[in-house]
Amino acid sequence: MGSNKRYPYLGGKLAEERELRAAAKAGTLQTLTPDQLRLDGHVVTIVPDRMKIWGLAWLRFGDVDVRCTVLVRRWTSDAVGVEVGVDGEIHRCWIWQGACQRLEQREDAW
């Protein structure tokens, strides 16, 4: 089988979507607790809706870990608020900053 020259990232994107669907069946998306976040003591930076910041992050659905492309929506000095779409449903959570790597553009993940 050959490679897709027009959309070279498509195979990686489809594989990621399959992994996300399988992980989402394992349970709910886990997020940091309010005690871990300490939002009352940290400045929260919110990304404007017109701006897209992409990242490659480790998420946990139930007891299944998956590395996927996420949209960064906000952050503190310790944590990042991200969202990811799975079968048309948007999932949001907070993760530690060390679990997220910034991407210049979304396709860089694949």
PDB file of N, CA and C in Angstrom:
ATOM      1  N   MET A   1       0.843  -1.170   0.000  1.00  0.00           N
ATOM      2  CA  MET A   1       0.000   0.000   0.000  1.00  0.00           C
ATOM      3  C   MET A   1       0.893   1.239   0.000  1.00  0.00           C
ATOM      4  N   GLY A   2       0.542   2.228  -0.766  1.00  0.00           N
ATOM      5  CA  GLY A   2       1.331   3.444  -0.878  1.00  0.00           C
ATOM      6  C   GLY A   2       0.986   4.460   0.186  1.00  0.00           C
ATOM      7  N   SER A   3       1.653   5.592   0.122  1.00  0.00           N
ATOM      8  CA  SER A   3       1.389   6.665   1.073  1.00  0.00           C
ATOM      9  C   SER A   3       0.524   7.730   0.394  1.00  0.00           C
ATOM     10  N   ASN A   4      -0.156   8.516   1.194  1.00  0.00           N
ATOM     11  CA  ASN A   4      -1.011   9.569   0.692  1.00  0.00           C
ATOM     12  C   ASN A   4      -0.166  10.826   0.530  1.00  0.00           C
ATOM     13  N   LYS A   5       0.147  11.174  -0.715  1.00  0.00           N
ATOM     14  CA  LYS A   5       1.019  12.314  -0.957  1.00  0.00           C
ATOM     15  C   LYS A   5       0.301  13.649  -0.760  1.00  0.00           C
ATOM     16  N   ARG A   6      -0.996  13.689  -0.995  1.00  0.00           N
ATOM     17  CA  ARG A   6      -1.733  14.931  -0.840  1.00  0.00           C
ATOM     18  C   ARG A   6      -1.982  15.253   0.629  1.00  0.00           C
ATOM     19  N   TYR A   7      -2.299  14.236   1.429  1.00  0.00           N
ATOM     20  CA  TYR A   7      -2.563  14.417   2.858  1.00  0.00           C
ATOM     21  C   TYR A   7      -1.680  13.459   3.659  1.00  0.00           C
ATOM     22  N   PRO A   8      -0.399  13.756   3.765  1.00  0.00           N
ATOM     23  CA  PRO A   8       0.524  12.811   4.401  1.00  0.00           C
ATOM     24  C   PRO A   8       0.240  12.558   5.874  1.00  0.00           C
ATOM     25  N   TYR A   9      -0.443  13.467   6.541  1.00  0.00           N
ATOM     26  CA  TYR A   9      -0.741  13.326   7.965  1.00  0.00           C
ATOM     27  C   TYR A   9      -2.041  12.558   8.232  1.00  0.00           C
ATOM     28  N   LEU A  10      -2.814  12.255   7.195  1.00  0.00           N
ATOM     29  CA  LEU A  10      -4.141  11.671   7.370  1.00  0.00           C
ATOM     30  C   LEU A  10      -4.109  10.313   8.077  1.00  0.00           C
ATOM     31  N   GLY A  11      -3.142   9.468   7.749  1.00  0.00           N
ATOM     32  CA  GLY A  11      -3.050   8.158   8.395  1.00  0.00           C
ATOM     33  C   GLY A  11      -2.850   8.282   9.897  1.00  0.00           C
ATOM     34  N   GLY A  12      -1.970   9.179  10.319  1.00  0.00           N
ATOM     35  CA  GLY A  12      -1.729   9.411  11.735  1.00  0.00           C
ATOM     36  C   GLY A  12      -2.943   9.982  12.440  1.00  0.00           C
ATOM     37  N   LYS A  13      -3.649  10.875  11.762  1.00  0.00           N
ATOM     38  CA  LYS A  13      -4.851  11.482  12.340  1.00  0.00           C
ATOM     39  C   LYS A  13      -5.931  10.426  12.551  1.00  0.00           C
ATOM     40  N   LEU A  14      -6.159   9.585  11.566  1.00  0.00           N
ATOM     41  CA  LEU A  14      -7.174   8.541  11.687  1.00  0.00           C
ATOM     42  C   LEU A  14      -6.815   7.528  12.770  1.00  0.00           C
ATOM     43  N   ALA A  15      -5.536   7.200  12.895  1.00  0.00           N
ATOM     44  CA  ALA A  15      -5.096   6.279  13.943  1.00  0.00           C
ATOM     45  C   ALA A  15      -5.340   6.888  15.322  1.00  0.00           C
ATOM     46  N   GLU A  16      -5.057   8.185  15.466  1.00  0.00           N
ATOM     47  CA  GLU A  16      -5.303   8.870  16.736  1.00  0.00           C
ATOM     48  C   GLU A  16      -6.791   8.867  17.079  1.00  0.00           C
ATOM     49  N   GLU A  17      -7.641   9.114  16.084  1.00  0.00           N
ATOM     50  CA  GLU A  17      -9.088   9.109  16.326  1.00  0.00           C
ATOM     51  C   GLU A  17      -9.569   7.736  16.792  1.00  0.00           C
ATOM     52  N   ARG A  18      -9.025   6.658  16.213  1.00  0.00           N
ATOM     53  CA  ARG A  18      -9.377   5.299  16.651  1.00  0.00           C
ATOM     54  C   ARG A  18      -8.957   5.059  18.097  1.00  0.00           C
ATOM     55  N   GLU A  19      -7.741   5.493  18.436  1.00  0.00           N
ATOM     56  CA  GLU A  19      -7.258   5.333  19.811  1.00  0.00           C
ATOM     57  C   GLU A  19      -8.124   6.113  20.794  1.00  0.00           C
ATOM     58  N   LEU A  20      -8.510   7.324  20.429  1.00  0.00           N
ATOM     59  CA  LEU A  20      -9.357   8.139  21.300  1.00  0.00           C
ATOM     60  C   LEU A  20     -10.727   7.500  21.520  1.00  0.00           C
ATOM     61  N   ARG A  21     -11.323   6.980  20.453  1.00  0.00           N
ATOM     62  CA  ARG A  21     -12.631   6.315  20.593  1.00  0.00           C
ATOM     63  C   ARG A  21     -12.534   5.122  21.526  1.00  0.00           C
ATOM     64  N   ALA A  22     -11.483   4.320  21.370  1.00  0.00           N
ATOM     65  CA  ALA A  22     -11.297   3.146  22.230  1.00  0.00           C
ATOM     66  C   ALA A  22     -11.059   3.568  23.676  1.00  0.00           C
ATOM     67  N   ALA A  23     -10.259   4.614  23.885  1.00  0.00           N
ATOM     68  CA  ALA A  23      -9.968   5.078  25.245  1.00  0.00           C
ATOM     69  C   ALA A  23     -11.219   5.643  25.906  1.00  0.00           C
ATOM     70  N   ALA A  24     -12.032   6.389  25.149  1.00  0.00           N
ATOM     71  CA  ALA A  24     -13.240   6.993  25.708  1.00  0.00           C
ATOM     72  C   ALA A  24     -14.231   5.933  26.192  1.00  0.00           C
ATOM     73  N   LYS A  25     -14.197   4.752  25.591  1.00  0.00           N
ATOM     74  CA  LYS A  25     -15.070   3.662  26.034  1.00  0.00           C
ATOM     75  C   LYS A  25     -14.625   3.088  27.376  1.00  0.00           C
ATOM     76  N   ALA A  26     -13.366   3.331  27.759  1.00  0.00           N
ATOM     77  CA  ALA A  26     -12.812   2.779  28.999  1.00  0.00           C
ATOM     78  C   ALA A  26     -13.266   3.552  30.234  1.00  0.00           C
ATOM     79  N   GLY A  27     -13.807   4.740  30.061  1.00  0.00           N
ATOM     80  CA  GLY A  27     -14.263   5.524  31.211  1.00  0.00           C
ATOM     81  C   GLY A  27     -14.261   7.004  30.907  1.00  0.00           C
ATOM     82  N   THR A  28     -14.527   7.790  31.935  1.00  0.00           N
ATOM     83  CA  THR A  28     -14.594   9.237  31.768  1.00  0.00           C
ATOM     84  C   THR A  28     -13.195   9.843  31.756  1.00  0.00           C
ATOM     85  N   LEU A  29     -13.090  11.009  31.147  1.00  0.00           N
ATOM     86  CA  LEU A  29     -11.826  11.717  31.076  1.00  0.00           C
ATOM     87  C   LEU A  29     -11.471  12.250  32.455  1.00  0.00           C
ATOM     88  N   GLN A  30     -10.280  11.933  32.931  1.00  0.00           N
ATOM     89  CA  GLN A  30      -9.855  12.373  34.257  1.00  0.00           C
ATOM     90  C   GLN A  30      -9.253  13.765  34.183  1.00  0.00           C
ATOM     91  N   THR A  31      -9.411  14.516  35.262  1.00  0.00           N
ATOM     92  CA  THR A  31      -8.917  15.887  35.337  1.00  0.00           C
ATOM     93  C   THR A  31      -8.283  16.108  36.698  1.00  0.00           C
ATOM     94  N   LEU A  32      -7.521  17.186  36.820  1.00  0.00           N
ATOM     95  CA  LEU A  32      -6.917  17.527  38.096  1.00  0.00           C
ATOM     96  C   LEU A  32      -7.997  17.983  39.079  1.00  0.00           C
ATOM     97  N   THR A  33      -7.767  17.768  40.342  1.00  0.00           N
ATOM     98  CA  THR A  33      -8.727  18.157  41.378  1.00  0.00           C
ATOM     99  C   THR A  33      -8.556  19.638  41.720  1.00  0.00           C
ATOM    100  N   PRO A  34      -9.564  20.251  42.335  1.00  0.00           N
ATOM    101  CA  PRO A  34      -9.423  21.653  42.766  1.00  0.00           C
ATOM    102  C   PRO A  34      -8.232  21.864  43.715  1.00  0.00           C
ATOM    103  N   ASP A  35      -7.945  20.887  44.580  1.00  0.00           N
ATOM    104  CA  ASP A  35      -6.785  21.006  45.464  1.00  0.00           C
ATOM    105  C   ASP A  35      -5.484  21.035  44.673  1.00  0.00           C
ATOM    106  N   GLN A  36      -5.412  20.257  43.609  1.00  0.00           N
ATOM    107  CA  GLN A  36      -4.217  20.244  42.771  1.00  0.00           C
ATOM    108  C   GLN A  36      -4.092  21.535  41.958  1.00  0.00           C
ATOM    109  N   LEU A  37      -5.214  22.042  41.477  1.00  0.00           N
ATOM    110  CA  LEU A  37      -5.199  23.237  40.627  1.00  0.00           C
ATOM    111  C   LEU A  37      -4.920  24.517  41.413  1.00  0.00           C
ATOM    112  N   ARG A  38      -5.505  24.655  42.583  1.00  0.00           N
ATOM    113  CA  ARG A  38      -5.378  25.862  43.410  1.00  0.00           C
ATOM    114  C   ARG A  38      -5.632  27.130  42.584  1.00  0.00           C
ATOM    115  N   LEU A  39      -6.751  27.158  41.882  1.00  0.00           N
ATOM    116  CA  LEU A  39      -7.077  28.279  41.005  1.00  0.00           C
ATOM    117  C   LEU A  39      -7.249  29.591  41.757  1.00  0.00           C
ATOM    118  N   ASP A  40      -7.592  29.521  43.042  1.00  0.00           N
ATOM    119  CA  ASP A  40      -7.749  30.749  43.814  1.00  0.00           C
ATOM    120  C   ASP A  40      -6.407  31.432  44.078  1.00  0.00           C
ATOM    121  N   GLY A  41      -5.303  30.724  43.919  1.00  0.00           N
ATOM    122  CA  GLY A  41      -3.986  31.294  44.173  1.00  0.00           C
ATOM    123  C   GLY A  41      -3.125  31.465  42.931  1.00  0.00           C
ATOM    124  N   HIS A  42      -3.642  31.108  41.762  1.00  0.00           N
ATOM    125  CA  HIS A  42      -2.875  31.211  40.521  1.00  0.00           C
ATOM    126  C   HIS A  42      -3.599  32.085  39.504  1.00  0.00           C
ATOM    127  N   VAL A  43      -2.833  32.743  38.676  1.00  0.00           N
ATOM    128  CA  VAL A  43      -3.393  33.500  37.560  1.00  0.00           C
ATOM    129  C   VAL A  43      -3.741  32.511  36.453  1.00  0.00           C
ATOM    130  N   VAL A  44      -4.954  32.646  35.903  1.00  0.00           N
ATOM    131  CA  VAL A  44      -5.389  31.784  34.806  1.00  0.00           C
ATOM    132  C   VAL A  44      -5.400  32.598  33.520  1.00  0.00           C
ATOM    133  N   THR A  45      -4.650  32.142  32.540  1.00  0.00           N
ATOM    134  CA  THR A  45      -4.627  32.773  31.222  1.00  0.00           C
ATOM    135  C   THR A  45      -5.608  32.030  30.336  1.00  0.00           C
ATOM    136  N   ILE A  46      -6.535  32.774  29.721  1.00  0.00           N
ATOM    137  CA  ILE A  46      -7.554  32.183  28.860  1.00  0.00           C
ATOM    138  C   ILE A  46      -7.244  32.546  27.412  1.00  0.00           C
ATOM    139  N   VAL A  47      -7.245  31.543  26.563  1.00  0.00           N
ATOM    140  CA  VAL A  47      -6.963  31.739  25.143  1.00  0.00           C
ATOM    141  C   VAL A  47      -8.220  32.291  24.466  1.00  0.00           C
ATOM    142  N   PRO A  48      -8.111  33.391  23.712  1.00  0.00           N
ATOM    143  CA  PRO A  48      -9.280  33.922  22.996  1.00  0.00           C
ATOM    144  C   PRO A  48      -9.831  32.886  22.001  1.00  0.00           C
ATOM    145  N   ASP A  49     -11.144  32.918  21.783  1.00  0.00           N
ATOM    146  CA  ASP A  49     -11.790  31.959  20.885  1.00  0.00           C
ATOM    147  C   ASP A  49     -11.226  32.002  19.468  1.00  0.00           C
ATOM    148  N   ARG A  50     -10.811  33.152  19.012  1.00  0.00           N
ATOM    149  CA  ARG A  50     -10.309  33.286  17.640  1.00  0.00           C
ATOM    150  C   ARG A  50      -8.898  32.722  17.470  1.00  0.00           C
ATOM    151  N   MET A  51      -8.249  32.390  18.574  1.00  0.00           N
ATOM    152  CA  MET A  51      -6.872  31.901  18.547  1.00  0.00           C
ATOM    153  C   MET A  51      -6.842  30.401  18.819  1.00  0.00           C
ATOM    154  N   LYS A  52      -6.029  29.668  18.076  1.00  0.00           N
ATOM    155  CA  LYS A  52      -5.907  28.222  18.244  1.00  0.00           C
ATOM    156  C   LYS A  52      -4.483  27.893  18.693  1.00  0.00           C
ATOM    157  N   ILE A  53      -4.363  27.284  19.864  1.00  0.00           N
ATOM    158  CA  ILE A  53      -3.073  26.793  20.346  1.00  0.00           C
ATOM    159  C   ILE A  53      -3.201  25.284  20.473  1.00  0.00           C
ATOM    160  N   TRP A  54      -2.403  24.561  19.709  1.00  0.00           N
ATOM    161  CA  TRP A  54      -2.459  23.099  19.687  1.00  0.00           C
ATOM    162  C   TRP A  54      -1.360  22.507  20.543  1.00  0.00           C
ATOM    163  N   GLY A  55      -1.634  21.355  21.096  1.00  0.00           N
ATOM    164  CA  GLY A  55      -0.644  20.656  21.891  1.00  0.00           C
ATOM    165  C   GLY A  55      -0.765  19.155  21.704  1.00  0.00           C
ATOM    166  N   LEU A  56       0.278  18.459  22.090  1.00  0.00           N
ATOM    167  CA  LEU A  56       0.295  17.004  22.098  1.00  0.00           C
ATOM    168  C   LEU A  56       0.353  16.608  23.562  1.00  0.00           C
ATOM    169  N   ALA A  57      -0.679  15.925  24.049  1.00  0.00           N
ATOM    170  CA  ALA A  57      -0.810  15.711  25.486  1.00  0.00           C
ATOM    171  C   ALA A  57      -1.170  14.275  25.825  1.00  0.00           C
ATOM    172  N   TRP A  58      -0.832  13.898  27.044  1.00  0.00           N
ATOM    173  CA  TRP A  58      -1.253  12.621  27.604  1.00  0.00           C
ATOM    174  C   TRP A  58      -2.548  12.842  28.367  1.00  0.00           C
ATOM    175  N   LEU A  59      -3.586  12.097  27.992  1.00  0.00           N
ATOM    176  CA  LEU A  59      -4.879  12.146  28.676  1.00  0.00           C
ATOM    177  C   LEU A  59      -5.189  10.756  29.216  1.00  0.00           C
ATOM    178  N   ARG A  60      -6.062  10.713  30.224  1.00  0.00           N
ATOM    179  CA  ARG A  60      -6.442   9.427  30.807  1.00  0.00           C
ATOM    180  C   ARG A  60      -7.970   9.320  30.823  1.00  0.00           C
ATOM    181  N   PHE A  61      -8.473   8.317  30.118  1.00  0.00           N
ATOM    182  CA  PHE A  61      -9.894   7.964  30.128  1.00  0.00           C
ATOM    183  C   PHE A  61     -10.012   6.698  30.972  1.00  0.00           C
ATOM    184  N   GLY A  62     -10.675   6.796  32.129  1.00  0.00           N
ATOM    185  CA  GLY A  62     -10.749   5.642  33.012  1.00  0.00           C
ATOM    186  C   GLY A  62      -9.345   5.245  33.424  1.00  0.00           C
ATOM    187  N   ASP A  63      -8.922   4.038  33.056  1.00  0.00           N
ATOM    188  CA  ASP A  63      -7.560   3.600  33.361  1.00  0.00           C
ATOM    189  C   ASP A  63      -6.696   3.462  32.106  1.00  0.00           C
ATOM    190  N   VAL A  64      -7.134   4.093  31.018  1.00  0.00           N
ATOM    191  CA  VAL A  64      -6.407   4.021  29.742  1.00  0.00           C
ATOM    192  C   VAL A  64      -5.763   5.368  29.430  1.00  0.00           C
ATOM    193  N   ASP A  65      -4.453   5.348  29.200  1.00  0.00           N
ATOM    194  CA  ASP A  65      -3.728   6.560  28.802  1.00  0.00           C
ATOM    195  C   ASP A  65      -3.644   6.629  27.286  1.00  0.00           C
ATOM    196  N   VAL A  66      -3.778   7.827  26.765  1.00  0.00           N
ATOM    197  CA  VAL A  66      -3.673   8.021  25.317  1.00  0.00           C
ATOM    198  C   VAL A  66      -2.979   9.363  25.066  1.00  0.00           C
ATOM    199  N   ARG A  67      -2.064   9.362  24.096  1.00  0.00           N
ATOM    200  CA  ARG A  67      -1.396  10.599  23.696  1.00  0.00           C
ATOM    201  C   ARG A  67      -2.088  11.107  22.447  1.00  0.00           C
ATOM    202  N   CYS A  68      -2.557  12.357  22.506  1.00  0.00           N
ATOM    203  CA  CYS A  68      -3.362  12.871  21.396  1.00  0.00           C
ATOM    204  C   CYS A  68      -3.172  14.370  21.233  1.00  0.00           C
ATOM    205  N   THR A  69      -3.678  14.865  20.128  1.00  0.00           N
ATOM    206  CA  THR A  69      -3.663  16.282  19.828  1.00  0.00           C
ATOM    207  C   THR A  69      -4.806  16.956  20.569  1.00  0.00           C
ATOM    208  N   VAL A  70      -4.500  18.050  21.265  1.00  0.00           N
ATOM    209  CA  VAL A  70      -5.505  18.760  22.046  1.00  0.00           C
ATOM    210  C   VAL A  70      -5.488  20.238  21.688  1.00  0.00           C
ATOM    211  N   LEU A  71      -6.578  20.894  21.986  1.00  0.00           N
ATOM    212  CA  LEU A  71      -6.685  22.334  21.834  1.00  0.00           C
ATOM    213  C   LEU A  71      -6.505  22.945  23.221  1.00  0.00           C
ATOM    214  N   VAL A  72      -5.502  23.795  23.372  1.00  0.00           N
ATOM    215  CA  VAL A  72      -5.242  24.441  24.662  1.00  0.00           C
ATOM    216  C   VAL A  72      -6.220  25.600  24.807  1.00  0.00           C
ATOM    217  N   ARG A  73      -6.978  25.617  25.910  1.00  0.00           N
ATOM    218  CA  ARG A  73      -7.983  26.657  26.130  1.00  0.00           C
ATOM    219  C   ARG A  73      -7.596  27.629  27.239  1.00  0.00           C
ATOM    220  N   ARG A  74      -6.748  27.177  28.202  1.00  0.00           N
ATOM    221  CA  ARG A  74      -6.305  28.033  29.305  1.00  0.00           C
ATOM    222  C   ARG A  74      -5.120  27.382  29.996  1.00  0.00           C
ATOM    223  N   TRP A  75      -4.424  28.168  30.819  1.00  0.00           N
ATOM    224  CA  TRP A  75      -3.318  27.592  31.576  1.00  0.00           C
ATOM    225  C   TRP A  75      -3.011  28.425  32.804  1.00  0.00           C
ATOM    226  N   THR A  76      -2.324  27.790  33.738  1.00  0.00           N
ATOM    227  CA  THR A  76      -1.752  28.438  34.914  1.00  0.00           C
ATOM    228  C   THR A  76      -0.254  28.148  34.875  1.00  0.00           C
ATOM    229  N   SER A  77       0.439  28.508  35.944  1.00  0.00           N
ATOM    230  CA  SER A  77       1.876  28.220  35.977  1.00  0.00           C
ATOM    231  C   SER A  77       2.151  26.729  36.099  1.00  0.00           C
ATOM    232  N   ASP A  78       1.162  25.942  36.561  1.00  0.00           N
ATOM    233  CA  ASP A  78       1.350  24.505  36.772  1.00  0.00           C
ATOM    234  C   ASP A  78       0.535  23.607  35.846  1.00  0.00           C
ATOM    235  N   ALA A  79      -0.605  24.083  35.378  1.00  0.00           N
ATOM    236  CA  ALA A  79      -1.555  23.217  34.677  1.00  0.00           C
ATOM    237  C   ALA A  79      -2.029  23.841  33.374  1.00  0.00           C
ATOM    238  N   VAL A  80      -2.582  22.970  32.517  1.00  0.00           N
ATOM    239  CA  VAL A  80      -3.113  23.396  31.217  1.00  0.00           C
ATOM    240  C   VAL A  80      -4.534  22.861  31.088  1.00  0.00           C
ATOM    241  N   GLY A  81      -5.472  23.721  30.724  1.00  0.00           N
ATOM    242  CA  GLY A  81      -6.843  23.313  30.444  1.00  0.00           C
ATOM    243  C   GLY A  81      -6.974  23.021  28.962  1.00  0.00           C
ATOM    244  N   VAL A  82      -7.325  21.783  28.623  1.00  0.00           N
ATOM    245  CA  VAL A  82      -7.367  21.362  27.223  1.00  0.00           C
ATOM    246  C   VAL A  82      -8.726  20.801  26.869  1.00  0.00           C
ATOM    247  N   GLU A  83      -8.968  20.718  25.565  1.00  0.00           N
ATOM    248  CA  GLU A  83     -10.181  20.042  25.087  1.00  0.00           C
ATOM    249  C   GLU A  83      -9.816  19.182  23.889  1.00  0.00           C
ATOM    250  N   VAL A  84     -10.576  18.098  23.753  1.00  0.00           N
ATOM    251  CA  VAL A  84     -10.375  17.158  22.660  1.00  0.00           C
ATOM    252  C   VAL A  84     -11.743  16.660  22.214  1.00  0.00           C
ATOM    253  N   GLY A  85     -11.895  16.461  20.923  1.00  0.00           N
ATOM    254  CA  GLY A  85     -13.154  15.957  20.386  1.00  0.00           C
ATOM    255  C   GLY A  85     -13.083  14.465  20.136  1.00  0.00           C
ATOM    256  N   VAL A  86     -14.126  13.757  20.591  1.00  0.00           N
ATOM    257  CA  VAL A  86     -14.229  12.321  20.346  1.00  0.00           C
ATOM    258  C   VAL A  86     -15.626  12.057  19.809  1.00  0.00           C
ATOM    259  N   ASP A  87     -15.721  11.654  18.554  1.00  0.00           N
ATOM    260  CA  ASP A  87     -17.004  11.371  17.900  1.00  0.00           C
ATOM    261  C   ASP A  87     -17.998  12.526  18.040  1.00  0.00           C
ATOM    262  N   GLY A  88     -17.533  13.738  17.814  1.00  0.00           N
ATOM    263  CA  GLY A  88     -18.403  14.899  17.845  1.00  0.00           C
ATOM    264  C   GLY A  88     -18.686  15.446  19.236  1.00  0.00           C
ATOM    265  N   GLU A  89     -18.204  14.797  20.282  1.00  0.00           N
ATOM    266  CA  GLU A  89     -18.400  15.259  21.656  1.00  0.00           C
ATOM    267  C   GLU A  89     -17.105  15.893  22.154  1.00  0.00           C
ATOM    268  N   ILE A  90     -17.211  17.081  22.749  1.00  0.00           N
ATOM    269  CA  ILE A  90     -16.043  17.789  23.268  1.00  0.00           C
ATOM    270  C   ILE A  90     -15.820  17.381  24.719  1.00  0.00           C
ATOM    271  N   HIS A  91     -14.596  16.957  25.016  1.00  0.00           N
ATOM    272  CA  HIS A  91     -14.190  16.603  26.382  1.00  0.00           C
ATOM    273  C   HIS A  91     -13.178  17.640  26.839  1.00  0.00           C
ATOM    274  N   ARG A  92     -13.344  18.120  28.079  1.00  0.00           N
ATOM    275  CA  ARG A  92     -12.426  19.122  28.635  1.00  0.00           C
ATOM    276  C   ARG A  92     -11.848  18.622  29.944  1.00  0.00           C
ATOM    277  N   CYS A  93     -10.581  18.963  30.176  1.00  0.00           N
ATOM    278  CA  CYS A  93      -9.950  18.598  31.444  1.00  0.00           C
ATOM    279  C   CYS A  93      -8.741  19.482  31.697  1.00  0.00           C
ATOM    280  N   TRP A  94      -8.256  19.414  32.920  1.00  0.00           N
ATOM    281  CA  TRP A  94      -7.006  20.056  33.308  1.00  0.00           C
ATOM    282  C   TRP A  94      -5.949  18.969  33.436  1.00  0.00           C
ATOM    283  N   ILE A  95      -4.748  19.243  32.911  1.00  0.00           N
ATOM    284  CA  ILE A  95      -3.620  18.320  33.035  1.00  0.00           C
ATOM    285  C   ILE A  95      -2.406  19.115  33.510  1.00  0.00           C
ATOM    286  N   TRP A  96      -1.403  18.412  34.008  1.00  0.00           N
ATOM    287  CA  TRP A  96      -0.165  19.069  34.401  1.00  0.00           C
ATOM    288  C   TRP A  96       0.545  19.591  33.160  1.00  0.00           C
ATOM    289  N   GLN A  97       1.225  20.722  33.307  1.00  0.00           N
ATOM    290  CA  GLN A  97       1.917  21.323  32.162  1.00  0.00           C
ATOM    291  C   GLN A  97       2.934  20.383  31.542  1.00  0.00           C
ATOM    292  N   GLY A  98       3.572  19.563  32.345  1.00  0.00           N
ATOM    293  CA  GLY A  98       4.566  18.636  31.832  1.00  0.00           C
ATOM    294  C   GLY A  98       3.994  17.551  30.944  1.00  0.00           C
ATOM    295  N   ALA A  99       2.670  17.368  30.979  1.00  0.00           N
ATOM    296  CA  ALA A  99       2.016  16.345  30.161  1.00  0.00           C
ATOM    297  C   ALA A  99       1.598  16.876  28.795  1.00  0.00           C
ATOM    298  N   CYS A 100       1.924  18.144  28.506  1.00  0.00           N
ATOM    299  CA  CYS A 100       1.491  18.763  27.252  1.00  0.00           C
ATOM    300  C   CYS A 100       2.674  19.445  26.562  1.00  0.00           C
ATOM    301  N   GLN A 101       2.831  19.154  25.289  1.00  0.00           N
ATOM    302  CA  GLN A 101       3.889  19.743  24.474  1.00  0.00           C
ATOM    303  C   GLN A 101       3.238  20.625  23.415  1.00  0.00           C
ATOM    304  N   ARG A 102       3.660  21.867  23.308  1.00  0.00           N
ATOM    305  CA  ARG A 102       3.065  22.791  22.344  1.00  0.00           C
ATOM    306  C   ARG A 102       3.463  22.431  20.919  1.00  0.00           C
ATOM    307  N   LEU A 103       2.508  22.565  19.996  1.00  0.00           N
ATOM    308  CA  LEU A 103       2.736  22.325  18.574  1.00  0.00           C
ATOM    309  C   LEU A 103       2.577  23.636  17.812  1.00  0.00           C
ATOM    310  N   GLU A 104       3.394  23.832  16.799  1.00  0.00           N
ATOM    311  CA  GLU A 104       3.260  25.026  15.959  1.00  0.00           C
ATOM    312  C   GLU A 104       1.955  24.979  15.167  1.00  0.00           C
ATOM    313  N   GLN A 105       1.634  23.795  14.633  1.00  0.00           N
ATOM    314  CA  GLN A 105       0.368  23.593  13.944  1.00  0.00           C
ATOM    315  C   GLN A 105      -0.116  22.180  14.234  1.00  0.00           C
ATOM    316  N   ARG A 106      -1.392  21.956  14.112  1.00  0.00           N
ATOM    317  CA  ARG A 106      -2.006  20.698  14.499  1.00  0.00           C
ATOM    318  C   ARG A 106      -1.370  19.489  13.798  1.00  0.00           C
ATOM    319  N   GLU A 107      -1.072  19.621  12.526  1.00  0.00           N
ATOM    320  CA  GLU A 107      -0.547  18.508  11.744  1.00  0.00           C
ATOM    321  C   GLU A 107       0.839  18.045  12.201  1.00  0.00           C
ATOM    322  N   ASP A 108       1.528  18.842  12.984  1.00  0.00           N
ATOM    323  CA  ASP A 108       2.855  18.473  13.468  1.00  0.00           C
ATOM    324  C   ASP A 108       2.821  17.231  14.358  1.00  0.00           C
ATOM    325  N   ALA A 109       1.669  16.907  14.903  1.00  0.00           N
ATOM    326  CA  ALA A 109       1.542  15.739  15.789  1.00  0.00           C
ATOM    327  C   ALA A 109       1.592  14.427  15.007  1.00  0.00           C
ATOM    328  N   TRP A 110       1.224  14.467  13.720  1.00  0.00           N
ATOM    329  CA  TRP A 110       1.121  13.239  12.944  1.00  0.00           C
ATOM    330  C   TRP A 110       2.250  13.140  11.970  1.00  0.00           C
TER     331      TRP A 110
END
